[in-house]
Amino acid sequence: MSLIHIIRLTFAHEGADTLFDDVTLQIDTRWKLGLIGRNGRGKTTFLKLLLGHYEFSGKIRSPVKFDYFPFPVPDRARETREIVDAVCAGYEPWQIERELSLLNVSADVLGRPFETLSGGEQSKTLLAALFLQENRFLLIDEPTNHLDLEGREIVTKYLAGKSGFILVSHDRTLLDGCVDHVLSINRCDIELQKGNFSTWQQNREFRESFELSENAKLQKDIKRLGEAARRTAIWSDRIEREKTGQGPVDRGYIGHQSAKMMKRSKSTEKNRQKAVDEKSQLLQNVETDEKLLISTLQHHAKRLVELEDVAVQYDGGRPLFERFSLLVEAGDRVALCGKNGCGKSSLLNLIVDDDIPHTGQVRRASGLVVSHVPQDASFLSGPMADIVEGHELDEPLFKAILRKLGFSREHFENDLAELSAGQKKKILLARSLSQPAHLYVWDEPLNYVDVISRMQIERAILECRPTLVFVEHDRTFLESTATRHCEMPS
């Protein structure tokens, strides 16, 4: 057994709050470690600290070298085999072919320019190349974003057969399928547990339930002890006044009683302070996964959208799909399924926008109000006020939703371009959640979004029951929220 030692690690970005404060950990190089935490908590930063990209206080000692996924490919026109060779020299051809086979990728990709590979093929090839190396501990940062369901299942099975890695992911099915330890970056500390995501979640719920119960009991104790202390103080004052009263007085007895009252008062105050101190240790890591609401509107029509024999075709090219029909009725939650590239995003865009080039019939209920979350959030920039004003949002509601999704008040002042990918996606989700609409159209709404927020959004959908058409590859979310799956032709 060899261990990675992280000793008293402390780090903060310039001008920002401390991300890691005096963190000490031991990580077995054979572990399959899942790294989870709210967006903005520093998961990617933690990986970069291991790689030595930032200066920090403390020590990191490792018997193995770290490699990061996904690594940059500067010249994407090069042959794929050359890119693999640059990462891992000295391997046998059968070795890379075996790894690609496990990832359901044809060995033919090695002879093609890297840029001609699909996004899924590129990700899988880079992952395979890193696992060819020996004496390495891989730092794998969200390997399944934009992969379809089949691709995620393949990667999950592949990683389950490997060891010696840290995996940053928000996909609960992936984490349950391939990790044996979980490292969670909490509000106030970092916690290491044995098990998968479901084990961590059960432990979290049990601990938070216990702490909430203890907190309620301590609050009652603090109130009771405070009242007792005030009563004792009143009695002590009354006895002291009797020392100077009229007539014969046994001052020795009264002094003794007064001392007893004073001692009891100090003891009560000591117990009250102990209860206060114990209470202060509770609830520090309770996540604010507060209830979200969706501002749904009711439409007089039952049929909201009807597509009949539609096809989407750009610039005279080959249609992405042909003669596809779909009926969306009030209360439906339709999950569009299919392989990457089959046209799911284009179909969602067609539901939202008449200007998408198409053939066939698209019928929308009159006066239909649609709220849209696009797949890409990278375009966001400028002050948050632009989002509020540009979309005529209820600003207090919009910001309240963001707070519930883990935003700090400081983030409200940031240029949106400075936010992480997950935080940008939450901006689009909060915008949609705060828009009253008859129909919600969401394209991969959970990409880069943390696990806690995913569960909040999941609960909001199940409780508010909006009419929703969406594309999502998080299987747990998909199976929980969709009332109907609609498979698109490949």
Protein backbone atom coordinates (compact mmCIF):
# COMPACT_ATOMS: atom_id res chain seq x y z
CA MET A 1 0.00 0.00 0.00
CA SER A 2 1.29 3.49 -0.92
CA LEU A 3 -0.26 6.72 0.31
CA ILE A 4 -0.59 10.27 -0.92
CA HIS A 5 -0.09 12.57 2.07
CA ILE A 6 -1.74 16.00 2.13
CA ILE A 7 -0.48 17.85 5.20
CA ARG A 8 -1.98 21.09 6.54
CA LEU A 9 -2.96 22.31 3.07
CA THR A 10 -4.15 25.94 3.08
CA PHE A 11 -5.06 27.88 -0.06
CA ALA A 12 -7.02 30.91 -1.22
CA HIS A 13 -7.23 32.58 -4.62
CA GLU A 14 -5.92 36.14 -4.60
CA GLY A 15 -8.48 38.50 -3.09
CA ALA A 16 -10.91 35.65 -2.29
CA ASP A 17 -11.95 33.74 0.81
CA THR A 18 -9.91 30.73 1.92
CA LEU A 19 -10.94 27.60 0.00
CA PHE A 20 -8.92 25.08 2.01
CA ASP A 21 -7.84 25.67 5.59
CA ASP A 22 -5.34 23.33 7.29
CA VAL A 23 -6.51 20.21 5.41
CA THR A 24 -4.76 16.96 6.27
CA LEU A 25 -5.62 13.76 4.35
CA GLN A 26 -4.19 10.39 3.37
CA ILE A 27 -5.28 8.89 0.04
CA ASP A 28 -4.49 5.31 -0.91
CA THR A 29 -3.17 5.18 -4.49
CA ARG A 30 -5.41 2.14 -5.16
CA TRP A 31 -8.63 3.95 -4.33
CA LYS A 32 -11.37 4.91 -6.76
CA LEU A 33 -12.14 8.23 -5.12
CA GLY A 34 -15.16 10.37 -5.99
CA LEU A 35 -14.76 14.11 -5.33
CA ILE A 36 -18.04 15.98 -4.79
CA GLY A 37 -19.21 19.38 -3.54
CA ARG A 38 -21.24 22.43 -4.47
CA ASN A 39 -20.19 24.46 -7.51
CA GLY A 40 -17.52 26.97 -6.52
CA ARG A 41 -16.24 24.91 -3.55
CA GLY A 42 -12.90 24.23 -5.24
CA LYS A 43 -13.03 20.71 -6.70
CA THR A 44 -11.04 21.57 -9.82
CA THR A 45 -8.79 23.83 -7.74
CA PHE A 46 -8.04 20.87 -5.46
CA LEU A 47 -6.93 18.82 -8.48
CA LYS A 48 -4.75 21.68 -9.70
CA LEU A 49 -3.14 21.95 -6.27
CA LEU A 50 -2.19 18.28 -6.51
CA LEU A 51 -0.71 19.01 -9.93
CA GLY A 52 1.33 21.88 -8.47
CA HIS A 53 -0.33 24.60 -10.55
CA TYR A 54 -0.82 26.93 -7.58
CA GLU A 55 1.33 27.98 -4.65
CA PHE A 56 -0.07 26.90 -1.29
CA SER A 57 0.78 26.51 2.36
CA GLY A 58 1.42 22.97 3.60
CA LYS A 59 2.82 19.85 1.93
CA ILE A 60 1.72 17.28 -0.66
CA ARG A 61 3.78 14.10 -0.77
CA SER A 62 3.01 11.45 -3.38
CA PRO A 63 4.81 8.24 -4.40
CA VAL A 64 3.20 8.50 -7.86
CA LYS A 65 2.84 11.18 -10.51
CA PHE A 66 -0.47 12.90 -11.21
CA ASP A 67 -2.09 13.15 -14.64
CA TYR A 68 -5.12 15.32 -15.45
CA PHE A 69 -8.10 14.54 -17.66
CA PRO A 70 -9.03 16.16 -19.96
CA PHE A 71 -5.58 17.29 -21.07
CA PRO A 72 -5.23 19.90 -23.85
CA VAL A 73 -4.55 18.84 -27.44
CA PRO A 74 -2.83 21.85 -29.09
CA ASP A 75 -2.76 20.52 -32.67
CA ARG A 76 -6.06 18.75 -33.21
CA ALA A 77 -5.26 18.15 -36.89
CA ARG A 78 -2.61 15.58 -35.92
CA GLU A 79 -3.25 11.88 -36.29
CA THR A 80 -4.81 10.45 -33.14
CA ARG A 81 -2.06 7.85 -32.76
CA GLU A 82 0.54 10.65 -32.54
CA ILE A 83 -1.43 12.30 -29.72
CA VAL A 84 -1.55 8.99 -27.83
CA ASP A 85 2.21 8.49 -28.43
CA ALA A 86 2.94 11.94 -26.98
CA VAL A 87 1.11 11.04 -23.78
CA CYS A 88 2.34 7.50 -23.34
CA ALA A 89 5.51 6.39 -25.07
CA GLY A 90 6.60 2.76 -25.26
CA TYR A 91 3.21 1.03 -25.20
CA GLU A 92 2.38 -1.97 -27.37
CA PRO A 93 -0.24 -1.40 -30.12
CA TRP A 94 -2.48 -4.12 -28.68
CA GLN A 95 -2.60 -2.26 -25.37
CA ILE A 96 -4.25 0.89 -26.74
CA GLU A 97 -6.52 -1.23 -28.92
CA ARG A 98 -7.62 -3.16 -25.83
CA GLU A 99 -8.39 0.05 -23.93
CA LEU A 100 -10.35 1.48 -26.84
CA SER A 101 -12.27 -1.77 -27.19
CA LEU A 102 -13.29 -1.56 -23.51
CA LEU A 103 -14.61 1.92 -24.26
CA ASN A 104 -16.46 0.72 -27.36
CA VAL A 105 -14.29 2.80 -29.70
CA SER A 106 -12.96 1.35 -32.96
CA ALA A 107 -9.18 1.15 -33.27
CA ASP A 108 -9.62 2.85 -36.66
CA VAL A 109 -9.76 6.23 -34.87
CA LEU A 110 -5.99 5.97 -34.29
CA GLY A 111 -5.35 6.54 -37.98
CA ARG A 112 -7.68 9.53 -38.27
CA PRO A 113 -7.01 13.22 -37.51
CA PHE A 114 -8.06 13.87 -33.92
CA GLU A 115 -10.35 16.72 -34.96
CA THR A 116 -12.48 14.36 -37.07
CA LEU A 117 -13.42 12.23 -34.03
CA SER A 118 -16.74 12.83 -32.33
CA GLY A 119 -16.68 14.47 -28.91
CA GLY A 120 -17.33 11.11 -27.27
CA GLU A 121 -14.54 9.40 -29.25
CA GLN A 122 -12.10 12.15 -28.32
CA SER A 123 -12.88 11.92 -24.61
CA LYS A 124 -12.66 8.13 -24.55
CA THR A 125 -9.38 8.08 -26.49
CA LEU A 126 -7.73 10.59 -24.13
CA LEU A 127 -8.96 8.57 -21.13
CA ALA A 128 -7.60 5.34 -22.62
CA ALA A 129 -4.20 6.96 -23.29
CA LEU A 130 -3.85 8.08 -19.65
CA PHE A 131 -4.69 4.65 -18.28
CA LEU A 132 -1.93 3.10 -20.42
CA GLN A 133 0.68 4.70 -18.19
CA GLU A 134 2.14 3.04 -15.11
CA ASN A 135 2.85 4.60 -11.73
CA ARG A 136 0.23 7.28 -12.31
CA PHE A 137 -2.69 8.56 -10.23
CA LEU A 138 -5.33 10.08 -12.51
CA LEU A 139 -7.27 13.24 -11.73
CA ILE A 140 -10.40 12.87 -13.86
CA ASP A 141 -12.51 16.02 -14.13
CA GLU A 142 -16.11 15.45 -15.29
CA PRO A 143 -15.45 12.91 -18.04
CA THR A 144 -19.08 12.40 -19.12
CA ASN A 145 -20.33 15.91 -19.85
CA HIS A 146 -22.26 15.83 -23.13
CA LEU A 147 -21.92 12.04 -23.41
CA ASP A 148 -25.21 10.30 -24.14
CA LEU A 149 -26.67 7.63 -21.86
CA GLU A 150 -24.95 4.77 -23.65
CA GLY A 151 -21.60 6.58 -23.54
CA ARG A 152 -21.97 7.21 -19.81
CA GLU A 153 -22.74 3.57 -19.13
CA ILE A 154 -19.62 2.53 -21.06
CA VAL A 155 -17.38 4.98 -19.17
CA THR A 156 -18.89 3.88 -15.84
CA LYS A 157 -18.14 0.23 -16.58
CA TYR A 158 -14.63 1.14 -17.78
CA LEU A 159 -13.74 3.12 -14.64
CA ALA A 160 -15.20 0.39 -12.44
CA GLY A 161 -12.48 -1.89 -13.81
CA LYS A 162 -9.71 0.60 -13.01
CA SER A 163 -8.19 1.92 -9.79
CA GLY A 164 -5.97 4.77 -8.67
CA PHE A 165 -7.94 7.89 -9.54
CA ILE A 166 -9.91 10.85 -8.26
CA LEU A 167 -13.13 11.38 -10.19
CA VAL A 168 -14.94 14.72 -10.15
CA SER A 169 -18.50 14.09 -11.27
CA HIS A 170 -22.06 15.15 -10.46
CA ASP A 171 -23.62 12.07 -12.05
CA ARG A 172 -24.98 9.92 -9.23
CA THR A 173 -25.25 6.80 -11.39
CA LEU A 174 -21.62 7.15 -12.46
CA LEU A 175 -20.40 7.70 -8.89
CA ASP A 176 -22.37 4.74 -7.57
CA GLY A 177 -21.06 2.56 -10.37
CA CYS A 178 -17.32 3.09 -10.09
CA VAL A 179 -16.07 4.68 -6.82
CA ASP A 180 -15.24 3.04 -3.49
CA HIS A 181 -14.51 6.23 -1.46
CA VAL A 182 -16.01 9.73 -1.47
CA LEU A 183 -14.21 12.97 -0.64
CA SER A 184 -16.76 15.75 -0.08
CA ILE A 185 -15.86 19.43 0.08
CA ASN A 186 -18.35 20.71 2.63
CA ARG A 187 -19.23 24.21 3.79
CA CYS A 188 -16.67 24.15 6.62
CA ASP A 189 -14.36 21.19 6.04
CA ILE A 190 -13.38 18.25 3.83
CA GLU A 191 -14.71 14.82 4.71
CA LEU A 192 -13.48 11.41 3.54
CA GLN A 193 -15.76 8.36 3.66
CA LYS A 194 -15.63 4.80 2.45
CA GLY A 195 -18.38 3.82 0.02
CA ASN A 196 -20.12 5.24 -3.04
CA PHE A 197 -22.38 8.27 -3.49
CA SER A 198 -25.50 6.55 -2.13
CA THR A 199 -23.59 5.55 1.02
CA TRP A 200 -22.38 9.15 1.43
CA GLN A 201 -25.89 10.51 0.90
CA GLN A 202 -27.41 8.15 3.49
CA ASN A 203 -24.74 9.13 6.02
CA ARG A 204 -25.28 12.82 5.26
CA GLU A 205 -29.04 12.58 5.78
CA PHE A 206 -28.58 10.64 9.03
CA ARG A 207 -26.01 13.12 10.38
CA GLU A 208 -28.07 16.18 9.43
CA SER A 209 -31.22 14.66 10.95
CA PHE A 210 -29.31 13.94 14.17
CA GLU A 211 -27.76 17.42 14.31
CA LEU A 212 -31.10 19.13 13.67
CA SER A 213 -32.61 17.09 16.53
CA GLU A 214 -29.69 17.89 18.84
CA ASN A 215 -29.87 21.55 17.86
CA ALA A 216 -33.55 21.71 18.81
CA LYS A 217 -32.86 20.08 22.21
CA LEU A 218 -29.94 22.42 22.92
CA GLN A 219 -32.01 25.46 22.02
CA LYS A 220 -34.58 24.36 24.61
CA ASP A 221 -31.80 23.78 27.16
CA ILE A 222 -30.29 27.21 26.50
CA LYS A 223 -33.69 28.86 26.97
CA ARG A 224 -34.44 26.86 30.14
CA LEU A 225 -30.99 27.51 31.65
CA GLY A 226 -31.19 31.20 30.78
CA GLU A 227 -34.53 31.49 32.59
CA ALA A 228 -33.11 29.55 35.57
CA ALA A 229 -30.09 31.88 35.70
CA ARG A 230 -32.35 34.94 35.76
CA ARG A 231 -34.50 33.46 38.56
CA THR A 232 -31.38 32.62 40.60
CA ALA A 233 -30.03 36.15 40.13
CA ILE A 234 -33.35 37.59 41.33
CA TRP A 235 -33.33 35.35 44.43
CA SER A 236 -29.69 36.27 45.17
CA ASP A 237 -30.49 39.99 44.94
CA ARG A 238 -33.50 39.56 47.24
CA ILE A 239 -31.41 37.76 49.89
CA GLU A 240 -28.71 40.45 49.70
CA ARG A 241 -31.31 43.13 50.34
CA GLU A 242 -32.47 41.22 53.47
CA LYS A 243 -29.00 41.79 55.02
CA THR A 244 -29.82 45.46 55.40
CA GLY A 245 -33.46 45.03 56.37
CA GLN A 246 -35.25 46.30 59.54
CA GLY A 247 -35.07 44.41 62.87
CA PRO A 248 -32.85 41.55 64.00
CA VAL A 249 -31.12 39.77 61.10
CA ASP A 250 -29.03 36.59 61.04
CA ARG A 251 -26.44 37.97 58.64
CA GLY A 252 -24.30 34.82 58.70
CA TYR A 253 -27.20 32.64 57.56
CA ILE A 254 -28.30 35.13 54.95
CA GLY A 255 -24.71 35.44 53.67
CA HIS A 256 -24.50 31.66 53.42
CA GLN A 257 -27.75 31.54 51.44
CA SER A 258 -26.58 34.34 49.19
CA ALA A 259 -23.31 32.50 48.47
CA LYS A 260 -25.26 29.35 47.62
CA MET A 261 -27.47 31.30 45.21
CA MET A 262 -24.41 32.89 43.61
CA LYS A 263 -22.71 29.50 43.20
CA ARG A 264 -25.88 28.05 41.68
CA SER A 265 -26.13 31.04 39.31
CA LYS A 266 -22.53 30.53 38.14
CA SER A 267 -23.11 26.79 37.66
CA THR A 268 -26.28 27.46 35.64
CA GLU A 269 -24.48 30.01 33.47
CA LYS A 270 -21.60 27.56 32.93
CA ASN A 271 -24.06 24.88 31.79
CA ARG A 272 -25.80 27.38 29.52
CA GLN A 273 -22.50 28.38 27.92
CA LYS A 274 -21.60 24.70 27.43
CA ALA A 275 -24.92 24.18 25.64
CA VAL A 276 -24.23 27.25 23.48
CA ASP A 277 -20.75 25.91 22.62
CA GLU A 278 -22.17 22.48 21.74
CA LYS A 279 -24.84 24.09 19.57
CA SER A 280 -22.19 26.08 17.71
CA GLN A 281 -20.54 22.82 16.63
CA LEU A 282 -23.75 21.60 14.99
CA LEU A 283 -25.16 22.32 11.52
CA GLN A 284 -21.90 23.76 10.18
CA ASN A 285 -21.97 21.43 7.18
CA VAL A 286 -25.72 21.22 6.69
CA GLU A 287 -26.23 22.01 3.00
CA THR A 288 -28.82 24.63 2.17
CA ASP A 289 -30.74 22.37 -0.21
CA GLU A 290 -33.86 24.43 0.31
CA LYS A 291 -37.07 23.86 -1.58
CA LEU A 292 -37.29 25.42 -5.06
CA LEU A 293 -40.52 26.39 -6.78
CA ILE A 294 -41.34 26.67 -10.49
CA SER A 295 -43.62 29.52 -11.57
CA THR A 296 -45.88 27.46 -13.82
CA LEU A 297 -48.81 28.93 -15.76
CA GLN A 298 -51.98 27.02 -16.61
CA HIS A 299 -53.07 27.05 -20.26
CA HIS A 300 -56.67 26.64 -21.39
CA ALA A 301 -55.63 24.15 -24.09
CA LYS A 302 -54.67 20.54 -23.43
CA ARG A 303 -52.40 20.25 -26.48
CA LEU A 304 -49.53 22.71 -26.10
CA VAL A 305 -47.18 21.65 -28.92
CA GLU A 306 -47.69 19.27 -31.82
CA LEU A 307 -44.98 18.35 -34.32
CA GLU A 308 -46.02 16.37 -37.37
CA ASP A 309 -43.56 14.82 -39.82
CA VAL A 310 -40.92 17.46 -39.09
CA ALA A 311 -37.33 17.51 -40.28
CA VAL A 312 -34.56 20.00 -39.47
CA GLN A 313 -32.04 20.74 -42.17
CA TYR A 314 -29.29 23.40 -42.04
CA ASP A 315 -27.72 25.09 -45.11
CA GLY A 316 -28.99 22.52 -47.55
CA GLY A 317 -27.17 19.68 -45.83
CA ARG A 318 -28.46 16.26 -44.87
CA PRO A 319 -31.44 16.46 -42.48
CA LEU A 320 -30.58 15.70 -38.85
CA PHE A 321 -33.81 13.71 -38.63
CA GLU A 322 -36.85 13.22 -40.83
CA ARG A 323 -40.62 12.76 -40.42
CA PHE A 324 -40.51 13.02 -36.65
CA SER A 325 -43.75 13.57 -34.75
CA LEU A 326 -44.33 14.58 -31.15
CA LEU A 327 -47.34 15.66 -29.09
CA VAL A 328 -46.82 17.57 -25.84
CA GLU A 329 -49.87 17.92 -23.60
CA ALA A 330 -50.27 19.91 -20.40
CA GLY A 331 -48.61 18.03 -17.53
CA ASP A 332 -46.28 15.99 -19.75
CA ARG A 333 -42.60 15.76 -18.86
CA VAL A 334 -41.07 14.44 -22.06
CA ALA A 335 -37.45 13.29 -22.09
CA LEU A 336 -35.94 13.23 -25.59
CA CYS A 337 -33.50 10.35 -25.86
CA GLY A 338 -31.05 9.28 -28.53
CA LYS A 339 -27.41 9.17 -29.50
CA ASN A 340 -25.28 12.30 -29.67
CA GLY A 341 -25.74 14.06 -33.00
CA CYS A 342 -29.24 12.75 -33.71
CA GLY A 343 -30.76 16.24 -33.47
CA LYS A 344 -32.20 16.47 -29.96
CA SER A 345 -31.01 20.05 -29.41
CA SER A 346 -32.26 21.09 -32.84
CA LEU A 347 -35.69 19.68 -32.04
CA LEU A 348 -35.82 21.61 -28.76
CA ASN A 349 -34.79 24.78 -30.60
CA LEU A 350 -37.58 24.17 -33.12
CA ILE A 351 -40.15 23.93 -30.31
CA VAL A 352 -38.92 27.31 -29.02
CA ASP A 353 -38.26 29.14 -32.28
CA ASP A 354 -40.17 29.16 -35.61
CA ASP A 355 -37.07 30.46 -37.42
CA ILE A 356 -35.28 27.10 -37.23
CA PRO A 357 -35.22 25.78 -40.84
CA HIS A 358 -37.59 22.83 -41.04
CA THR A 359 -40.20 20.98 -43.02
CA GLY A 360 -43.41 19.51 -41.66
CA GLN A 361 -46.00 21.01 -39.32
CA VAL A 362 -45.30 22.74 -36.00
CA ARG A 363 -48.41 23.77 -34.09
CA ARG A 364 -48.33 25.67 -30.78
CA ALA A 365 -51.25 26.57 -28.56
CA SER A 366 -52.22 30.23 -28.90
CA GLY A 367 -50.53 32.53 -26.42
CA LEU A 368 -48.10 29.79 -25.35
CA VAL A 369 -45.37 31.10 -23.03
CA VAL A 370 -42.15 29.07 -23.24
CA SER A 371 -39.12 29.24 -20.93
CA HIS A 372 -35.89 27.92 -22.44
CA VAL A 373 -32.60 26.71 -20.93
CA PRO A 374 -30.08 26.29 -23.78
CA GLN A 375 -27.30 23.71 -23.63
CA ASP A 376 -24.43 26.21 -23.81
CA ALA A 377 -23.96 28.80 -21.04
CA SER A 378 -20.49 30.00 -22.04
CA PHE A 379 -21.92 33.13 -23.71
CA LEU A 380 -22.82 34.67 -20.34
CA SER A 381 -20.86 37.79 -19.47
CA GLY A 382 -21.36 41.21 -17.92
CA PRO A 383 -23.23 42.13 -14.73
CA MET A 384 -26.07 40.00 -13.36
CA ALA A 385 -28.33 43.06 -13.64
CA ASP A 386 -28.28 42.60 -17.44
CA ILE A 387 -29.94 39.19 -17.05
CA VAL A 388 -32.60 40.62 -14.74
CA GLU A 389 -33.38 43.63 -16.92
CA GLY A 390 -33.04 41.88 -20.27
CA HIS A 391 -35.58 39.21 -19.32
CA GLU A 392 -37.76 41.34 -17.03
CA LEU A 393 -37.20 38.98 -14.10
CA ASP A 394 -38.44 39.37 -10.56
CA GLU A 395 -35.00 40.25 -9.13
CA PRO A 396 -35.63 39.21 -5.49
CA LEU A 397 -37.06 35.86 -6.68
CA PHE A 398 -34.21 35.30 -9.16
CA LYS A 399 -31.55 35.99 -6.53
CA ALA A 400 -33.38 33.93 -3.90
CA ILE A 401 -33.30 30.94 -6.25
CA LEU A 402 -29.57 31.42 -6.84
CA ARG A 403 -28.96 31.61 -3.09
CA LYS A 404 -30.82 28.32 -2.65
CA LEU A 405 -28.62 26.84 -5.40
CA GLY A 406 -25.50 27.69 -3.41
CA PHE A 407 -24.57 31.17 -4.68
CA SER A 408 -22.95 33.49 -2.16
CA ARG A 409 -23.91 37.16 -2.13
CA GLU A 410 -20.41 38.00 -3.39
CA HIS A 411 -21.18 36.15 -6.63
CA PHE A 412 -23.95 38.65 -7.39
CA GLU A 413 -21.29 41.31 -7.89
CA ASN A 414 -19.08 39.23 -10.21
CA ASP A 415 -18.90 39.55 -13.96
CA LEU A 416 -20.76 36.49 -15.22
CA ALA A 417 -17.77 35.61 -17.41
CA GLU A 418 -15.77 34.92 -14.22
CA LEU A 419 -18.19 32.27 -12.96
CA SER A 420 -17.54 28.53 -13.28
CA ALA A 421 -19.38 26.48 -15.90
CA GLY A 422 -21.70 25.09 -13.22
CA GLN A 423 -22.49 28.54 -11.84
CA LYS A 424 -23.27 29.84 -15.34
CA LYS A 425 -25.67 26.95 -15.88
CA LYS A 426 -27.36 27.81 -12.58
CA ILE A 427 -27.88 31.38 -13.86
CA LEU A 428 -29.84 29.97 -16.81
CA LEU A 429 -31.77 27.58 -14.58
CA ALA A 430 -32.65 30.33 -12.07
CA ARG A 431 -33.79 32.53 -14.94
CA SER A 432 -36.08 29.77 -16.19
CA LEU A 433 -37.38 28.83 -12.73
CA SER A 434 -38.34 32.46 -12.07
CA GLN A 435 -40.12 32.90 -15.41
CA PRO A 436 -43.87 32.10 -15.32
CA ALA A 437 -44.44 29.80 -18.32
CA HIS A 438 -46.81 27.21 -19.74
CA LEU A 439 -43.97 25.10 -21.14
CA TYR A 440 -40.33 24.64 -20.06
CA VAL A 441 -37.79 23.51 -22.66
CA TRP A 442 -34.45 22.51 -21.12
CA ASP A 443 -31.39 21.28 -23.03
CA GLU A 444 -28.99 19.34 -20.79
CA PRO A 445 -29.85 21.57 -17.81
CA LEU A 446 -27.60 19.69 -15.38
CA ASN A 447 -24.27 19.90 -17.22
CA TYR A 448 -21.61 20.96 -14.66
CA VAL A 449 -24.29 21.44 -11.95
CA ASP A 450 -23.47 19.92 -8.54
CA VAL A 451 -25.27 16.93 -7.03
CA ILE A 452 -27.08 18.85 -4.27
CA SER A 453 -28.55 21.30 -6.80
CA ARG A 454 -29.57 18.43 -9.08
CA MET A 455 -31.59 16.91 -6.26
CA GLN A 456 -33.19 20.30 -5.49
CA ILE A 457 -34.25 20.74 -9.13
CA GLU A 458 -35.49 17.15 -9.23
CA ARG A 459 -37.70 17.74 -6.17
CA ALA A 460 -39.03 21.01 -7.63
CA ILE A 461 -40.12 19.23 -10.80
CA LEU A 462 -41.84 16.42 -8.89
CA GLU A 463 -43.65 18.87 -6.57
CA CYS A 464 -44.59 21.64 -9.05
CA ARG A 465 -45.23 19.34 -12.04
CA PRO A 466 -44.42 21.75 -14.88
CA THR A 467 -44.98 20.81 -18.49
CA LEU A 468 -41.45 20.06 -19.61
CA VAL A 469 -39.60 18.85 -22.69
CA PHE A 470 -35.95 18.19 -21.98
CA VAL A 471 -32.72 16.44 -22.87
CA GLU A 472 -30.63 15.11 -20.01
CA HIS A 473 -28.09 12.28 -19.63
CA ASP A 474 -28.16 11.97 -15.84
CA ARG A 475 -29.96 8.64 -15.62
CA THR A 476 -31.08 9.09 -12.01
CA PHE A 477 -32.64 12.47 -12.81
CA LEU A 478 -34.13 11.17 -16.06
CA GLU A 479 -35.81 8.18 -14.48
CA SER A 480 -37.12 10.22 -11.56
CA THR A 481 -38.65 13.16 -13.43
CA ALA A 482 -39.80 12.06 -16.90
CA THR A 483 -43.38 10.91 -17.43
CA ARG A 484 -42.54 9.78 -20.95
CA HIS A 485 -39.37 8.94 -22.90
CA CYS A 486 -39.33 9.75 -26.60
CA GLU A 487 -36.59 8.01 -28.60
CA MET A 488 -35.29 9.96 -31.57
CA PRO A 489 -34.09 8.10 -34.67
CA SER A 490 -30.31 7.71 -35.04
